[in-house]
Amino acid sequence: MHDDDKRSDRRVPVKTPASVEVNNKTLTGECCDLSAHGVLLILPERLDVGTHFDVIVRAAGSTADLRATGIVVRVDDAGESGYEHGCKLIDVS
């Protein structure tokens, strides 16, 4: 996480599985934190900034998954884990 965080929405750490549908393929990764308007995803492949995607976040202890459409706003190398994607959620269902 970045110390220069200027968001007004509170981020909640979640560490739960996530599936991302992008460019006709599915990437399995991890949702690290979630807010009302954003999500931090660790994925095995790097997505370009500006990429639109659909995501399903598996809610631990819940029968309802979070489904959303998002856009990548930043990408950082996460070492052996893959790539850290800071994403804006644009449609949540």
C-alpha atoms as a PDB file:
ATOM      1  CA  MET A   1       0.000   0.000   0.000  1.00  0.00           C
ATOM      2  CA  HIS A   2       1.099   3.517  -0.653  1.00  0.00           C
ATOM      3  CA  ASP A   3       1.684   6.023   2.143  1.00  0.00           C
ATOM      4  CA  ASP A   4       0.553   8.897  -0.071  1.00  0.00           C
ATOM      5  CA  ASP A   5      -3.013   7.569  -0.071  1.00  0.00           C
ATOM      6  CA  LYS A   6      -5.457  10.419  -0.718  1.00  0.00           C
ATOM      7  CA  ARG A   7      -8.704   8.428  -1.091  1.00  0.00           C
ATOM      8  CA  SER A   8     -11.769   9.362   0.885  1.00  0.00           C
ATOM      9  CA  ASP A   9     -13.080   5.762   0.925  1.00  0.00           C
ATOM     10  CA  ARG A  10     -11.870   3.456   3.671  1.00  0.00           C
ATOM     11  CA  ARG A  11     -10.031   0.396   2.364  1.00  0.00           C
ATOM     12  CA  VAL A  12     -10.709  -2.946   4.003  1.00  0.00           C
ATOM     13  CA  PRO A  13      -8.019  -5.650   3.873  1.00  0.00           C
ATOM     14  CA  VAL A  14      -9.605  -8.894   2.668  1.00  0.00           C
ATOM     15  CA  LYS A  15      -7.030 -11.398   1.247  1.00  0.00           C
ATOM     16  CA  THR A  16      -9.556 -13.496  -0.678  1.00  0.00           C
ATOM     17  CA  PRO A  17      -9.589 -15.252  -4.079  1.00  0.00           C
ATOM     18  CA  ALA A  18     -10.593 -13.266  -7.150  1.00  0.00           C
ATOM     19  CA  SER A  19     -11.248 -14.188 -10.788  1.00  0.00           C
ATOM     20  CA  VAL A  20     -10.657 -11.581 -13.493  1.00  0.00           C
ATOM     21  CA  GLU A  21     -12.160 -11.870 -16.982  1.00  0.00           C
ATOM     22  CA  VAL A  22     -10.118  -9.867 -19.477  1.00  0.00           C
ATOM     23  CA  ASN A  23      -9.474 -10.211 -23.213  1.00  0.00           C
ATOM     24  CA  ASN A  24     -11.458 -13.478 -23.425  1.00  0.00           C
ATOM     25  CA  LYS A  25      -9.476 -15.228 -20.691  1.00  0.00           C
ATOM     26  CA  THR A  26      -9.721 -15.770 -16.946  1.00  0.00           C
ATOM     27  CA  LEU A  27      -6.934 -14.871 -14.520  1.00  0.00           C
ATOM     28  CA  THR A  28      -7.067 -16.237 -10.989  1.00  0.00           C
ATOM     29  CA  GLY A  29      -5.554 -14.027  -8.326  1.00  0.00           C
ATOM     30  CA  GLU A  30      -6.099 -12.460  -4.943  1.00  0.00           C
ATOM     31  CA  CYS A  31      -8.076  -9.450  -3.778  1.00  0.00           C
ATOM     32  CA  CYS A  32      -5.910  -7.751  -1.134  1.00  0.00           C
ATOM     33  CA  ASP A  33      -8.159  -4.853  -0.206  1.00  0.00           C
ATOM     34  CA  LEU A  34     -11.475  -3.386  -1.172  1.00  0.00           C
ATOM     35  CA  SER A  35     -13.237  -0.033  -0.863  1.00  0.00           C
ATOM     36  CA  ALA A  36     -16.502   1.415  -2.125  1.00  0.00           C
ATOM     37  CA  HIS A  37     -14.835   2.509  -5.371  1.00  0.00           C
ATOM     38  CA  GLY A  38     -11.688   0.424  -5.731  1.00  0.00           C
ATOM     39  CA  VAL A  39      -9.901  -2.869  -5.366  1.00  0.00           C
ATOM     40  CA  LEU A  40      -6.293  -4.005  -5.066  1.00  0.00           C
ATOM     41  CA  LEU A  41      -5.661  -7.222  -7.001  1.00  0.00           C
ATOM     42  CA  ILE A  42      -2.588  -9.439  -7.237  1.00  0.00           C
ATOM     43  CA  LEU A  43      -2.617 -11.213 -10.611  1.00  0.00           C
ATOM     44  CA  PRO A  44      -0.113 -13.547 -12.280  1.00  0.00           C
ATOM     45  CA  GLU A  45      -0.077 -11.434 -15.463  1.00  0.00           C
ATOM     46  CA  ARG A  46       0.421  -7.698 -15.903  1.00  0.00           C
ATOM     47  CA  LEU A  47      -2.579  -5.768 -17.209  1.00  0.00           C
ATOM     48  CA  ASP A  48      -1.984  -2.402 -18.841  1.00  0.00           C
ATOM     49  CA  VAL A  49      -3.201   0.785 -17.187  1.00  0.00           C
ATOM     50  CA  GLY A  50      -6.566   1.615 -18.750  1.00  0.00           C
ATOM     51  CA  THR A  51      -7.587  -2.035 -19.228  1.00  0.00           C
ATOM     52  CA  HIS A  52     -11.257  -2.735 -18.481  1.00  0.00           C
ATOM     53  CA  PHE A  53     -12.132  -6.072 -16.856  1.00  0.00           C
ATOM     54  CA  ASP A  54     -14.823  -7.994 -14.993  1.00  0.00           C
ATOM     55  CA  VAL A  55     -13.992  -9.375 -11.557  1.00  0.00           C
ATOM     56  CA  ILE A  56     -15.581 -11.804  -9.132  1.00  0.00           C
ATOM     57  CA  VAL A  57     -14.329 -11.535  -5.558  1.00  0.00           C
ATOM     58  CA  ARG A  58     -15.062 -14.581  -3.419  1.00  0.00           C
ATOM     59  CA  ALA A  59     -16.460 -13.282  -0.157  1.00  0.00           C
ATOM     60  CA  ALA A  60     -15.157 -15.416   2.717  1.00  0.00           C
ATOM     61  CA  GLY A  61     -17.953 -16.714   4.912  1.00  0.00           C
ATOM     62  CA  SER A  62     -20.643 -15.427   2.547  1.00  0.00           C
ATOM     63  CA  THR A  63     -22.805 -17.063  -0.099  1.00  0.00           C
ATOM     64  CA  ALA A  64     -22.795 -13.913  -2.246  1.00  0.00           C
ATOM     65  CA  ASP A  65     -19.759 -13.020  -4.352  1.00  0.00           C
ATOM     66  CA  LEU A  66     -18.929  -9.448  -5.349  1.00  0.00           C
ATOM     67  CA  ARG A  67     -19.186  -8.948  -9.116  1.00  0.00           C
ATOM     68  CA  ALA A  68     -17.888  -5.752 -10.664  1.00  0.00           C
ATOM     69  CA  THR A  69     -16.461  -4.083 -13.742  1.00  0.00           C
ATOM     70  CA  GLY A  70     -13.267  -2.162 -13.209  1.00  0.00           C
ATOM     71  CA  ILE A  71     -10.420  -0.311 -14.855  1.00  0.00           C
ATOM     72  CA  VAL A  72      -6.719  -0.622 -14.026  1.00  0.00           C
ATOM     73  CA  VAL A  73      -5.290   2.694 -12.762  1.00  0.00           C
ATOM     74  CA  ARG A  74      -1.821   1.559 -11.632  1.00  0.00           C
ATOM     75  CA  VAL A  75       0.400  -1.526 -11.771  1.00  0.00           C
ATOM     76  CA  ASP A  76       3.394  -2.465  -9.609  1.00  0.00           C
ATOM     77  CA  ASP A  77       5.638  -5.530  -9.647  1.00  0.00           C
ATOM     78  CA  ALA A  78       4.789  -7.818  -6.712  1.00  0.00           C
ATOM     79  CA  GLY A  79       7.789 -10.121  -7.155  1.00  0.00           C
ATOM     80  CA  GLU A  80       7.046 -13.842  -7.227  1.00  0.00           C
ATOM     81  CA  SER A  81       3.364 -13.135  -6.510  1.00  0.00           C
ATOM     82  CA  GLY A  82       2.892 -11.457  -9.888  1.00  0.00           C
ATOM     83  CA  TYR A  83       1.631  -7.908 -10.324  1.00  0.00           C
ATOM     84  CA  GLU A  84      -0.247  -5.586  -7.977  1.00  0.00           C
ATOM     85  CA  HIS A  85      -3.106  -3.815  -9.777  1.00  0.00           C
ATOM     86  CA  GLY A  86      -4.780  -0.771  -8.262  1.00  0.00           C
ATOM     87  CA  CYS A  87      -8.206  -0.605  -9.876  1.00  0.00           C
ATOM     88  CA  LYS A  88     -11.206   1.689  -9.918  1.00  0.00           C
ATOM     89  CA  LEU A  89     -14.585  -0.034  -9.754  1.00  0.00           C
ATOM     90  CA  ILE A  90     -17.007   1.433 -12.276  1.00  0.00           C
ATOM     91  CA  ASP A  91     -19.981  -0.923 -11.932  1.00  0.00           C
ATOM     92  CA  VAL A  92     -20.715  -3.162  -8.934  1.00  0.00           C
ATOM     93  CA  SER A  93     -23.461  -5.759  -8.708  1.00  0.00           C
END
